[in-house]
Amino acid sequence: MSFDIHLTGRVKSVVHDTLPRLIDELVASGITAGDASLWGPDAEADASQRLGWVQAVSVSKPLVAEIEALRAELVGKGVTRVVLAGMGGSSLAPEVIAQTSGVPLVILDSTAPGQVLAAIDGDTEGGGPEQTVLVVSSKSGSTVETDSAKRAFEAAFRDLGIDPTERIVVVTDPGSPLDQAARAEGYRVFNADPDVGGRYSALTAFGLVPSGLAGVDISELLEEAEATLLEVAIDSPDNPALVLAAAIAGGEPRRDKLGLITDGTHIIGLPDWIEQLVAESTGKDGTGILPVVLLPVSPELDTKPGDLQIVRFVDEANEFHFRERHEGEILISGSLGAQFVVWEYATAIAGRMLGINPFDQPDVESAKVAARGLLDARPEQSDPAFAVDGVEVRVSDPALAASGTVAGVLDALWAQVPENGYESIQAYVNRLSLPQLKGLRELVAADSGRPVTFGWGPRFLHSTGQFHKGGPAVGVFLQILEQTDVDLEIPDRPFTFGELIGAQAAGDARVLADGHGRPVVTLTLTDPQAEVLSLFEAAQ
């Protein structure tokens, strides 16, 4: 079996009670047959245009030879470094595919100026712009982060006397504004199936083109996925997608948070892809499932929040259980292709169980609109509530700043987490220079006893950002920004990358606080490298 799931304790009982209804209602075979009515009349229009992922393997097979031929052509010209500019599903699936295969692929899903410059400049090990091909991935072609990256790379290539049309490959939906413009300008274009949403696109051109150009054996990935298709199509208690859906969305009361742990599996980074798939698909209409990416030693495993279901990815699920005895957890093993297929089916089924449309993202646009408004209006940045030790503190509610200390502000923020709530840390920084910020999640979780998510901005806006605004209104939010002398113009745009990432942070904070009544604290590090330590001390 290419996918295995092992259950014990409460979650095994939940699945036992939930599976018969899913089988009787022919949910699995209905999805495979493309039945758009499964999610109710309000979702039928979306579902009728978003079930193409069920056929992704057969549709994508003809792409393999074309991708491999282009890779050979590029390598023959000495172009061996691949950079991917994309957001959400356009970047997260290729990231997992490349990491798991041990193949270098530079992911640019940030508007932090330093990170953009690093992607353009490269390094002595992987190569510089002379050895670089950029893959621009966007379904709509209007994603501001991806469009800005394309403009910056075009300028950099021209400055070096390189024709951008020879170094930029575009992946987009047929007929999109990007498709039309790229073809008119002479770029190489791969079209993806327009009936597949971004977060379900792992096995389409969005997942395969950048991975294949980087050197991944994408034929093997498709074969892994194909081996699972029969299992997930049958209305049977042995269907792993039905079992997984029942495990993550069943039960009363339902555990609405998933702790995702990688523990010895050969697959690298899968929880980050699942986080986007599940959070953006289910976090709406005041409900949802919140994935929380954990380490095998994260504090949540000791504090054991009652609303957190642990999912542990291992190499052999049954063997691992008998060796380690992780009672009450969902243990999962399988190939990467199988993981993509099963999780996509299970997420769509979970959406039906929750009574929501798993194919839209109604609240993602609100943060984009707010950011665009700030870029157009260019208001002066508000004064901080206070500044201490080089950290500027801004708050959505003045009461949060009453202590006058960073530690006091964080304590006040955590105090507003309800019993069923969560904390979200969002770092709008160059993660290449401040990777240690991710460790803040562990300290906050240990201090608060509640599940804590961590996201790099603006990347998370295309992932958990939907859940923050559309899911249960029980989150509190900590933004971390950086002041830096590094900035980069965006050709033919009236704003820089530095201004863009600042507007994205401020726009999301405004939507969370003013639109949804959630508490938000924004900490700006005026000397990031020096002040990270004091931030960690305050968090403890």
Protein backbone atom coordinates (compact mmCIF):
# COMPACT_ATOMS: atom_id res chain seq x y z
CA MET A 1 0.00 0.00 0.00
CA SER A 2 1.41 3.40 -1.00
CA PHE A 3 -0.29 5.16 1.93
CA ASP A 4 -0.86 3.85 5.44
CA ILE A 5 -2.68 5.37 8.40
CA HIS A 6 -2.70 3.95 11.93
CA LEU A 7 -5.19 5.07 14.59
CA THR A 8 -5.58 4.40 18.31
CA GLY A 9 -7.67 5.72 21.20
CA ARG A 10 -10.27 8.43 20.74
CA VAL A 11 -9.55 9.17 17.10
CA LYS A 12 -10.00 5.49 16.19
CA SER A 13 -13.47 5.55 17.79
CA VAL A 14 -14.31 8.79 15.94
CA VAL A 15 -13.41 7.21 12.61
CA HIS A 16 -15.39 4.05 13.45
CA ASP A 17 -18.49 6.16 14.12
CA THR A 18 -18.04 8.52 11.16
CA LEU A 19 -17.01 6.27 8.28
CA PRO A 20 -20.34 4.47 7.64
CA ARG A 21 -22.11 7.70 6.71
CA LEU A 22 -19.34 8.75 4.30
CA ILE A 23 -19.46 5.32 2.67
CA ASP A 24 -23.26 5.27 2.43
CA GLU A 25 -23.30 8.74 0.85
CA LEU A 26 -20.84 7.61 -1.87
CA VAL A 27 -18.59 10.61 -1.21
CA ALA A 28 -15.33 9.14 -2.53
CA SER A 29 -16.77 7.82 -5.78
CA GLY A 30 -18.75 11.04 -6.17
CA ILE A 31 -15.57 13.15 -6.03
CA THR A 32 -13.85 10.84 -8.51
CA ALA A 33 -16.83 11.17 -10.86
CA GLY A 34 -16.71 14.97 -10.58
CA ASP A 35 -20.02 15.39 -8.72
CA ALA A 36 -20.07 19.13 -7.97
CA SER A 37 -23.27 18.86 -5.92
CA LEU A 38 -21.51 17.13 -3.00
CA TRP A 39 -20.87 20.41 -1.17
CA GLY A 40 -24.37 21.82 -1.50
CA PRO A 41 -26.01 24.30 -3.88
CA ASP A 42 -24.01 27.33 -2.65
CA ALA A 43 -20.71 25.66 -3.55
CA GLU A 44 -21.80 23.90 -6.73
CA ALA A 45 -20.66 26.63 -9.14
CA ASP A 46 -17.16 26.69 -7.61
CA ALA A 47 -16.93 22.92 -7.34
CA SER A 48 -17.90 22.46 -10.98
CA GLN A 49 -14.76 24.41 -11.93
CA ARG A 50 -12.41 23.09 -9.24
CA LEU A 51 -12.39 19.28 -9.44
CA GLY A 52 -9.77 18.96 -12.16
CA TRP A 53 -7.20 17.79 -9.60
CA VAL A 54 -8.91 14.40 -9.56
CA GLN A 55 -7.59 13.85 -13.11
CA ALA A 56 -4.26 15.64 -12.57
CA VAL A 57 -2.06 12.58 -13.02
CA SER A 58 -3.38 11.65 -16.46
CA VAL A 59 -3.53 15.29 -17.59
CA SER A 60 0.03 15.96 -16.43
CA LYS A 61 1.78 12.94 -17.90
CA PRO A 62 2.22 14.54 -21.36
CA LEU A 63 4.03 17.47 -19.70
CA VAL A 64 6.90 15.32 -18.46
CA ALA A 65 8.76 15.00 -21.77
CA GLU A 66 8.34 18.72 -22.48
CA ILE A 67 9.70 19.68 -19.06
CA GLU A 68 12.62 17.29 -19.32
CA ALA A 69 13.49 18.58 -22.79
CA LEU A 70 13.54 22.16 -21.55
CA ARG A 71 15.73 21.19 -18.60
CA ALA A 72 18.23 19.51 -20.95
CA GLU A 73 18.24 22.61 -23.15
CA LEU A 74 18.91 24.91 -20.18
CA VAL A 75 21.60 22.67 -18.68
CA GLY A 76 23.26 22.56 -22.09
CA LYS A 77 23.54 26.34 -21.90
CA GLY A 78 24.98 26.24 -18.39
CA VAL A 79 21.72 27.33 -16.77
CA THR A 80 21.52 25.06 -13.73
CA ARG A 81 20.06 27.24 -10.95
CA VAL A 82 16.26 27.36 -10.74
CA VAL A 83 14.39 30.08 -8.85
CA LEU A 84 10.63 29.81 -8.35
CA ALA A 85 8.55 32.95 -7.85
CA GLY A 86 5.12 31.91 -6.62
CA MET A 87 2.79 32.11 -3.65
CA GLY A 88 0.66 29.57 -1.80
CA GLY A 89 0.18 26.31 -3.64
CA SER A 90 2.36 27.56 -6.51
CA SER A 91 5.44 27.47 -4.25
CA LEU A 92 4.67 25.13 -1.35
CA ALA A 93 4.22 21.92 -3.37
CA PRO A 94 7.40 22.39 -5.46
CA GLU A 95 9.27 23.20 -2.24
CA VAL A 96 8.27 19.84 -0.70
CA ILE A 97 8.94 17.95 -3.92
CA ALA A 98 12.44 19.41 -4.34
CA GLN A 99 13.43 19.09 -0.68
CA THR A 100 12.28 15.47 -0.53
CA SER A 101 14.25 14.66 -3.69
CA GLY A 102 17.34 16.45 -2.40
CA VAL A 103 17.33 18.82 -5.37
CA PRO A 104 18.18 22.53 -4.99
CA LEU A 105 15.30 24.88 -5.80
CA VAL A 106 15.31 28.52 -4.66
CA ILE A 107 11.85 29.55 -3.45
CA LEU A 108 10.97 33.24 -3.66
CA ASP A 109 7.63 33.71 -1.90
CA SER A 110 8.53 36.90 -0.06
CA THR A 111 8.59 40.63 -0.72
CA ALA A 112 11.36 41.27 1.83
CA PRO A 113 13.93 43.25 -0.20
CA GLY A 114 16.92 41.33 1.13
CA GLN A 115 15.34 38.02 0.22
CA VAL A 116 14.48 39.19 -3.29
CA LEU A 117 18.04 40.41 -3.81
CA ALA A 118 19.45 37.10 -2.57
CA ALA A 119 17.28 35.21 -5.07
CA ILE A 120 18.53 37.43 -7.89
CA ASP A 121 22.20 37.47 -6.91
CA GLY A 122 22.60 33.79 -6.01
CA ASP A 123 25.82 32.53 -4.45
CA THR A 124 29.10 30.85 -5.31
CA GLU A 125 27.71 27.40 -4.56
CA GLY A 126 24.46 27.44 -6.54
CA GLY A 127 25.43 30.01 -9.15
CA GLY A 128 24.52 33.60 -9.95
CA PRO A 129 22.09 35.20 -12.37
CA GLU A 130 24.19 34.04 -15.32
CA GLN A 131 23.30 30.43 -14.38
CA THR A 132 19.69 31.16 -13.34
CA VAL A 133 16.29 30.45 -14.82
CA LEU A 134 13.24 31.99 -13.14
CA VAL A 135 9.93 30.12 -13.07
CA VAL A 136 7.03 32.54 -12.60
CA SER A 137 3.97 30.67 -11.31
CA SER A 138 0.58 32.32 -10.90
CA LYS A 139 -2.89 31.04 -11.76
CA SER A 140 -4.40 34.46 -12.22
CA GLY A 141 -1.25 36.25 -13.32
CA SER A 142 -2.14 39.17 -11.08
CA THR A 143 -0.48 38.06 -7.81
CA VAL A 144 1.43 41.16 -6.69
CA GLU A 145 4.35 39.28 -5.12
CA THR A 146 4.94 37.16 -8.23
CA ASP A 147 4.49 40.04 -10.66
CA SER A 148 6.94 42.16 -8.65
CA ALA A 149 9.53 39.36 -8.63
CA LYS A 150 9.19 38.93 -12.41
CA ARG A 151 9.79 42.65 -12.95
CA ALA A 152 12.86 42.65 -10.72
CA PHE A 153 14.40 39.63 -12.47
CA GLU A 154 13.68 41.07 -15.90
CA ALA A 155 15.60 44.22 -14.97
CA ALA A 156 18.47 42.22 -13.48
CA PHE A 157 18.80 40.03 -16.58
CA ARG A 158 18.74 43.06 -18.90
CA ASP A 159 21.43 44.78 -16.83
CA LEU A 160 23.66 41.78 -17.51
CA GLY A 161 22.87 41.74 -21.21
CA ILE A 162 20.72 38.61 -20.89
CA ASP A 163 17.46 38.34 -22.83
CA PRO A 164 14.74 37.70 -20.15
CA THR A 165 12.71 35.61 -22.60
CA GLU A 166 15.51 33.05 -22.56
CA ARG A 167 15.64 32.89 -18.77
CA ILE A 168 12.04 33.18 -17.58
CA VAL A 169 9.50 30.37 -17.81
CA VAL A 170 5.85 31.11 -17.02
CA VAL A 171 3.27 28.73 -15.52
CA THR A 172 -0.28 30.06 -15.51
CA ASP A 173 -3.87 29.33 -16.48
CA PRO A 174 -4.75 29.55 -20.18
CA GLY A 175 -6.09 32.96 -21.09
CA SER A 176 -4.97 34.65 -17.88
CA PRO A 177 -3.53 38.18 -18.16
CA LEU A 178 -0.08 36.68 -17.51
CA ASP A 179 -0.61 34.04 -20.21
CA GLN A 180 -1.54 36.64 -22.79
CA ALA A 181 1.24 39.07 -21.89
CA ALA A 182 3.94 36.38 -21.62
CA ARG A 183 3.12 34.87 -25.01
CA ALA A 184 3.04 38.31 -26.63
CA GLU A 185 6.47 39.08 -25.16
CA GLY A 186 7.95 35.76 -26.31
CA TYR A 187 8.27 33.89 -23.02
CA ARG A 188 8.09 30.11 -22.72
CA VAL A 189 4.67 29.32 -21.20
CA PHE A 190 3.25 26.18 -19.63
CA ASN A 191 -0.51 26.21 -19.13
CA ALA A 192 -2.07 24.41 -16.17
CA ASP A 193 -5.57 22.97 -15.97
CA PRO A 194 -7.83 25.95 -15.15
CA ASP A 195 -10.23 23.61 -13.31
CA VAL A 196 -7.71 23.10 -10.49
CA GLY A 197 -7.43 25.56 -7.61
CA GLY A 198 -3.98 26.67 -6.54
CA ARG A 199 -3.80 24.69 -3.32
CA TYR A 200 -4.87 21.47 -5.11
CA SER A 201 -2.30 21.96 -7.90
CA ALA A 202 0.65 19.88 -6.60
CA LEU A 203 0.43 17.34 -9.43
CA THR A 204 -0.26 19.87 -12.20
CA ALA A 205 2.14 22.11 -14.12
CA PHE A 206 2.45 24.32 -11.02
CA GLY A 207 4.09 21.53 -9.07
CA LEU A 208 5.86 19.74 -11.91
CA VAL A 209 7.47 22.48 -14.03
CA PRO A 210 9.73 24.04 -11.36
CA SER A 211 10.47 20.66 -9.79
CA GLY A 212 11.29 19.02 -13.10
CA LEU A 213 13.47 21.90 -14.26
CA ALA A 214 15.36 21.65 -10.96
CA GLY A 215 16.09 17.98 -11.63
CA VAL A 216 13.40 16.01 -9.80
CA ASP A 217 12.23 12.72 -11.32
CA ILE A 218 8.64 13.90 -11.82
CA SER A 219 7.65 10.69 -13.62
CA GLU A 220 8.26 8.79 -10.39
CA LEU A 221 6.15 11.32 -8.46
CA LEU A 222 3.24 10.84 -10.86
CA GLU A 223 3.62 7.05 -10.64
CA GLU A 224 3.43 7.27 -6.84
CA ALA A 225 0.24 9.30 -7.11
CA GLU A 226 -1.28 7.01 -9.72
CA ALA A 227 -0.76 3.99 -7.47
CA THR A 228 -3.11 5.59 -4.93
CA LEU A 229 -5.93 6.69 -7.22
CA LEU A 230 -7.92 3.45 -7.04
CA GLU A 231 -7.73 3.34 -3.23
CA VAL A 232 -9.20 6.84 -2.81
CA ALA A 233 -11.94 6.33 -5.41
CA ILE A 234 -13.72 3.43 -3.72
CA ASP A 235 -16.46 3.86 -1.09
CA SER A 236 -14.84 1.48 1.36
CA PRO A 237 -13.71 1.51 5.01
CA ASP A 238 -10.21 0.84 3.63
CA ASN A 239 -10.18 4.10 1.65
CA PRO A 240 -7.34 6.12 3.28
CA ALA A 241 -8.86 9.46 2.26
CA LEU A 242 -12.19 8.64 3.92
CA VAL A 243 -10.38 7.47 7.05
CA LEU A 244 -8.22 10.60 7.17
CA ALA A 245 -11.19 12.93 6.60
CA ALA A 246 -13.14 11.24 9.37
CA ALA A 247 -10.13 11.50 11.67
CA ILE A 248 -9.53 15.24 11.13
CA ALA A 249 -13.12 16.48 10.75
CA GLY A 250 -15.23 14.01 12.73
CA GLY A 251 -16.16 13.70 16.38
CA GLU A 252 -18.23 15.71 18.82
CA PRO A 253 -16.81 17.87 20.19
CA ARG A 254 -14.52 18.14 17.22
CA ARG A 255 -10.82 18.77 17.66
CA ASP A 256 -10.39 21.73 15.33
CA LYS A 257 -6.58 21.99 15.42
CA LEU A 258 -4.09 19.57 13.85
CA GLY A 259 -0.57 19.31 15.23
CA LEU A 260 1.56 18.19 12.28
CA ILE A 261 4.86 16.49 13.17
CA THR A 262 7.57 15.09 10.89
CA ASP A 263 9.24 12.24 12.78
CA GLY A 264 11.69 10.15 10.79
CA THR A 265 9.94 10.17 7.43
CA HIS A 266 11.89 10.65 4.21
CA ILE A 267 9.48 13.43 3.16
CA ILE A 268 10.71 16.94 4.02
CA GLY A 269 8.40 19.90 4.56
CA LEU A 270 5.05 18.19 3.99
CA PRO A 271 3.32 19.91 6.98
CA ASP A 272 3.86 23.34 5.38
CA TRP A 273 1.99 22.22 2.26
CA ILE A 274 -0.78 20.61 4.31
CA GLU A 275 -1.08 23.75 6.42
CA GLN A 276 -2.01 25.78 3.35
CA LEU A 277 -4.28 23.13 1.85
CA VAL A 278 -6.32 22.53 5.00
CA ALA A 279 -6.37 26.05 6.49
CA GLU A 280 -7.33 27.82 3.28
CA SER A 281 -9.85 25.14 2.27
CA THR A 282 -11.70 24.89 5.61
CA GLY A 283 -11.17 28.19 7.46
CA LYS A 284 -14.35 30.06 6.58
CA ASP A 285 -17.90 30.73 7.75
CA GLY A 286 -16.67 30.78 11.35
CA THR A 287 -15.45 27.19 11.31
CA GLY A 288 -12.46 25.24 10.05
CA ILE A 289 -9.43 23.11 10.87
CA LEU A 290 -6.24 24.92 11.91
CA PRO A 291 -2.99 23.06 11.14
CA VAL A 292 -0.14 23.78 13.58
CA VAL A 293 3.35 22.75 12.39
CA LEU A 294 5.22 21.19 15.33
CA LEU A 295 8.57 19.63 16.14
CA PRO A 296 8.83 16.18 17.77
CA VAL A 297 9.73 18.03 21.01
CA SER A 298 7.25 20.92 20.82
CA PRO A 299 5.59 22.05 24.08
CA GLU A 300 2.10 21.12 22.85
CA LEU A 301 3.06 17.46 23.23
CA ASP A 302 3.45 18.05 26.98
CA THR A 303 0.62 20.54 27.56
CA LYS A 304 -1.76 18.41 25.42
CA PRO A 305 -4.46 20.96 24.54
CA GLY A 306 -7.77 19.12 24.36
CA ASP A 307 -8.67 20.62 20.97
CA LEU A 308 -5.40 19.56 19.28
CA GLN A 309 -5.20 16.29 17.32
CA ILE A 310 -1.64 15.13 16.67
CA VAL A 311 -0.76 13.86 13.17
CA ARG A 312 2.69 12.27 12.99
CA PHE A 313 4.42 11.50 9.69
CA VAL A 314 6.68 8.45 9.93
CA ASP A 315 8.29 5.93 7.59
CA GLU A 316 6.13 2.92 8.56
CA ALA A 317 2.96 3.79 10.48
CA ASN A 318 2.09 0.37 11.91
CA GLU A 319 5.67 -0.52 12.79
CA PHE A 320 6.19 2.89 14.38
CA HIS A 321 3.13 2.45 16.58
CA PHE A 322 4.25 -0.90 17.97
CA ARG A 323 7.73 0.48 18.55
CA GLU A 324 6.87 3.93 19.99
CA ARG A 325 3.21 3.62 21.22
CA HIS A 326 1.94 7.13 20.47
CA GLU A 327 -1.57 6.54 21.80
CA GLY A 328 -4.34 8.69 20.38
CA GLU A 329 -2.29 10.06 17.50
CA ILE A 330 -2.84 9.74 13.75
CA LEU A 331 0.25 7.99 12.36
CA ILE A 332 0.77 8.34 8.61
CA SER A 333 3.30 6.93 6.17
CA GLY A 334 3.47 6.77 2.40
CA SER A 335 5.11 8.10 -0.72
CA LEU A 336 5.00 11.80 -1.50
CA GLY A 337 2.73 11.30 -4.50
CA ALA A 338 0.32 9.32 -2.35
CA GLN A 339 0.36 12.01 0.34
CA PHE A 340 -0.66 14.65 -2.19
CA VAL A 341 -3.59 12.58 -3.49
CA VAL A 342 -4.91 11.42 -0.12
CA TRP A 343 -4.68 14.81 1.56
CA GLU A 344 -6.41 16.55 -1.36
CA TYR A 345 -9.29 14.06 -1.27
CA ALA A 346 -9.47 14.13 2.53
CA THR A 347 -9.54 17.93 2.65
CA ALA A 348 -12.36 18.12 0.13
CA ILE A 349 -14.29 15.48 2.12
CA ALA A 350 -13.61 17.36 5.38
CA GLY A 351 -15.06 20.49 3.77
CA ARG A 352 -18.27 18.59 3.04
CA MET A 353 -18.41 17.33 6.63
CA LEU A 354 -18.02 20.90 7.93
CA GLY A 355 -20.70 22.22 5.58
CA ILE A 356 -18.42 24.68 3.80
CA ASN A 357 -17.08 25.24 0.29
CA PRO A 358 -13.50 23.88 0.26
CA PHE A 359 -12.69 25.48 -3.10
CA ASP A 360 -13.01 29.22 -2.40
CA GLN A 361 -11.00 31.64 -0.24
CA PRO A 362 -13.36 34.55 0.40
CA ASP A 363 -11.26 36.31 3.02
CA VAL A 364 -7.84 36.25 1.33
CA GLU A 365 -8.73 39.23 -0.84
CA SER A 366 -9.50 41.52 2.12
CA ALA A 367 -5.84 41.79 3.14
CA LYS A 368 -4.82 42.39 -0.48
CA VAL A 369 -7.35 45.22 -0.80
CA ALA A 370 -6.15 46.80 2.44
CA ALA A 371 -2.51 46.62 1.31
CA ARG A 372 -3.34 48.16 -2.07
CA GLY A 373 -5.23 50.95 -0.31
CA LEU A 374 -2.23 51.74 1.87
CA LEU A 375 0.11 51.74 -1.15
CA ASP A 376 -2.21 54.13 -2.98
CA ALA A 377 -2.84 56.48 -0.04
CA ARG A 378 0.72 56.39 1.42
CA PRO A 379 -0.37 57.43 4.92
CA GLU A 380 2.27 58.31 7.49
CA GLN A 381 3.11 55.37 9.70
CA SER A 382 1.39 55.66 13.05
CA ASP A 383 3.53 56.50 16.05
CA PRO A 384 4.35 53.53 18.25
CA ALA A 385 2.62 53.15 21.58
CA PHE A 386 6.17 53.12 22.93
CA ALA A 387 9.69 52.11 21.96
CA VAL A 388 12.15 50.31 24.21
CA ASP A 389 15.58 48.82 23.53
CA GLY A 390 15.22 49.43 19.80
CA VAL A 391 11.81 47.73 19.53
CA GLU A 392 8.86 49.85 18.40
CA VAL A 393 5.54 48.60 19.79
CA ARG A 394 2.19 49.19 18.07
CA VAL A 395 -1.07 47.73 19.36
CA SER A 396 -4.66 47.42 18.20
CA ASP A 397 -5.91 48.28 21.72
CA PRO A 398 -4.07 50.81 23.92
CA ALA A 399 -4.73 48.62 26.96
CA LEU A 400 -2.27 46.08 25.54
CA ALA A 401 0.56 48.60 25.94
CA ALA A 402 -0.18 49.62 29.53
CA SER A 403 2.90 47.89 30.94
CA GLY A 404 5.38 49.86 28.86
CA THR A 405 7.52 46.73 28.32
CA VAL A 406 7.69 44.21 25.49
CA ALA A 407 7.30 41.33 27.94
CA GLY A 408 4.24 43.01 29.46
CA VAL A 409 2.67 43.59 26.06
CA LEU A 410 3.15 39.93 25.11
CA ASP A 411 1.66 38.80 28.43
CA ALA A 412 -1.33 41.06 27.83
CA LEU A 413 -1.76 39.65 24.32
CA TRP A 414 -1.57 36.02 25.45
CA ALA A 415 -4.07 36.79 28.22
CA GLN A 416 -6.68 37.49 25.53
CA VAL A 417 -6.52 33.95 24.13
CA PRO A 418 -9.79 32.14 24.91
CA GLU A 419 -9.82 28.54 26.12
CA ASN A 420 -10.28 27.25 22.57
CA GLY A 421 -8.03 29.88 20.98
CA TYR A 422 -4.61 30.03 19.41
CA GLU A 423 -1.70 32.42 18.98
CA SER A 424 -0.29 33.38 15.61
CA ILE A 425 3.24 34.74 15.11
CA GLN A 426 3.81 36.44 11.76
CA ALA A 427 7.31 37.51 10.75
CA TYR A 428 7.48 40.00 7.89
CA VAL A 429 11.27 39.83 7.63
CA ASN A 430 14.05 38.45 5.45
CA ARG A 431 13.95 34.89 6.72
CA LEU A 432 17.37 34.16 5.24
CA SER A 433 18.97 36.59 7.70
CA LEU A 434 16.64 35.92 10.66
CA PRO A 435 15.81 32.19 10.48
CA GLN A 436 16.04 31.94 14.28
CA LEU A 437 12.77 33.84 14.63
CA LYS A 438 10.92 30.60 13.95
CA GLY A 439 12.16 29.34 17.33
CA LEU A 440 10.00 31.99 19.00
CA ARG A 441 7.03 29.71 18.37
CA GLU A 442 8.37 27.11 20.80
CA LEU A 443 8.89 29.65 23.59
CA VAL A 444 5.43 31.16 23.22
CA ALA A 445 3.76 27.73 23.17
CA ALA A 446 5.60 26.74 26.35
CA ASP A 447 4.63 29.99 28.03
CA SER A 448 0.96 30.07 27.05
CA GLY A 449 -0.03 26.41 26.96
CA ARG A 450 -2.03 26.98 23.78
CA PRO A 451 -1.33 25.98 20.15
CA VAL A 452 0.84 28.52 18.33
CA THR A 453 1.24 28.94 14.59
CA PHE A 454 4.20 30.62 12.91
CA GLY A 455 4.20 32.14 9.44
CA TRP A 456 6.66 34.09 7.31
CA GLY A 457 4.96 37.14 5.82
CA PRO A 458 3.59 37.59 3.25
CA ARG A 459 3.80 33.85 2.49
CA PHE A 460 1.27 32.87 5.18
CA LEU A 461 -1.33 35.31 3.78
CA HIS A 462 -1.87 32.73 1.02
CA SER A 463 -2.13 29.93 3.59
CA THR A 464 -3.37 30.38 7.15
CA GLY A 465 -4.34 33.97 6.36
CA GLN A 466 -7.75 32.74 5.18
CA PHE A 467 -8.32 30.87 8.45
CA HIS A 468 -7.30 33.89 10.57
CA LYS A 469 -10.12 35.93 9.07
CA GLY A 470 -12.67 33.32 8.03
CA GLY A 471 -12.30 30.69 10.74
CA PRO A 472 -13.38 30.88 14.39
CA ALA A 473 -12.57 34.32 15.82
CA VAL A 474 -10.37 32.96 18.62
CA GLY A 475 -6.87 33.97 17.51
CA VAL A 476 -4.49 36.64 18.80
CA PHE A 477 -1.78 37.94 16.52
CA LEU A 478 1.84 39.01 16.91
CA GLN A 479 3.51 40.68 13.94
CA ILE A 480 7.29 41.06 13.79
CA LEU A 481 8.70 43.58 11.30
CA GLU A 482 12.23 44.78 10.60
CA GLN A 483 13.73 48.14 9.74
CA THR A 484 16.47 47.74 7.17
CA ASP A 485 18.54 49.95 4.90
CA VAL A 486 18.14 47.36 2.14
CA ASP A 487 15.45 48.10 -0.44
CA LEU A 488 14.80 47.42 -4.10
CA GLU A 489 12.80 49.25 -6.72
CA ILE A 490 10.01 47.40 -8.54
CA PRO A 491 10.28 48.46 -12.20
CA ASP A 492 7.28 50.44 -13.45
CA ARG A 493 5.62 50.41 -10.05
CA PRO A 494 5.27 53.44 -7.75
CA PHE A 495 6.42 51.49 -4.69
CA THR A 496 9.46 49.51 -3.60
CA PHE A 497 9.65 46.00 -2.18
CA GLY A 498 10.21 47.51 1.27
CA GLU A 499 7.08 49.61 0.95
CA LEU A 500 5.12 46.64 -0.36
CA ILE A 501 5.94 44.29 2.53
CA GLY A 502 5.21 47.10 5.01
CA ALA A 503 1.80 47.69 3.43
CA GLN A 504 1.04 43.97 3.44
CA ALA A 505 1.73 43.76 7.19
CA ALA A 506 -0.21 46.92 8.00
CA GLY A 507 -3.10 45.91 5.75
CA ASP A 508 -3.50 42.51 7.36
CA ALA A 509 -3.26 44.00 10.85
CA ARG A 510 -5.99 46.49 9.95
CA VAL A 511 -8.31 43.76 8.62
CA LEU A 512 -7.76 41.54 11.67
CA ALA A 513 -8.28 44.35 14.19
CA ASP A 514 -10.88 46.59 12.56
CA GLY A 515 -12.69 44.02 10.43
CA HIS A 516 -12.69 41.07 12.82
CA GLY A 517 -12.11 42.57 16.27
CA ARG A 518 -8.99 40.54 16.98
CA PRO A 519 -6.08 41.80 19.11
CA VAL A 520 -2.91 42.54 17.16
CA VAL A 521 0.53 43.56 18.43
CA THR A 522 3.19 44.74 15.96
CA LEU A 523 6.84 44.77 17.03
CA THR A 524 9.29 46.51 14.70
CA LEU A 525 12.94 45.64 15.21
CA THR A 526 15.00 48.73 14.36
CA ASP A 527 18.24 46.72 14.53
CA PRO A 528 17.02 43.17 13.84
CA GLN A 529 20.19 41.19 14.48
CA ALA A 530 20.81 42.95 17.79
CA GLU A 531 17.23 42.88 19.04
CA VAL A 532 16.24 39.28 18.32
CA LEU A 533 17.79 38.14 21.60
CA SER A 534 15.86 40.68 23.66
CA LEU A 535 12.67 39.58 21.87
CA PHE A 536 13.32 35.97 22.85
CA GLU A 537 13.96 37.02 26.44
CA ALA A 538 10.68 38.95 26.52
CA ALA A 539 8.80 35.96 25.13
CA GLN A 540 9.99 33.83 28.04
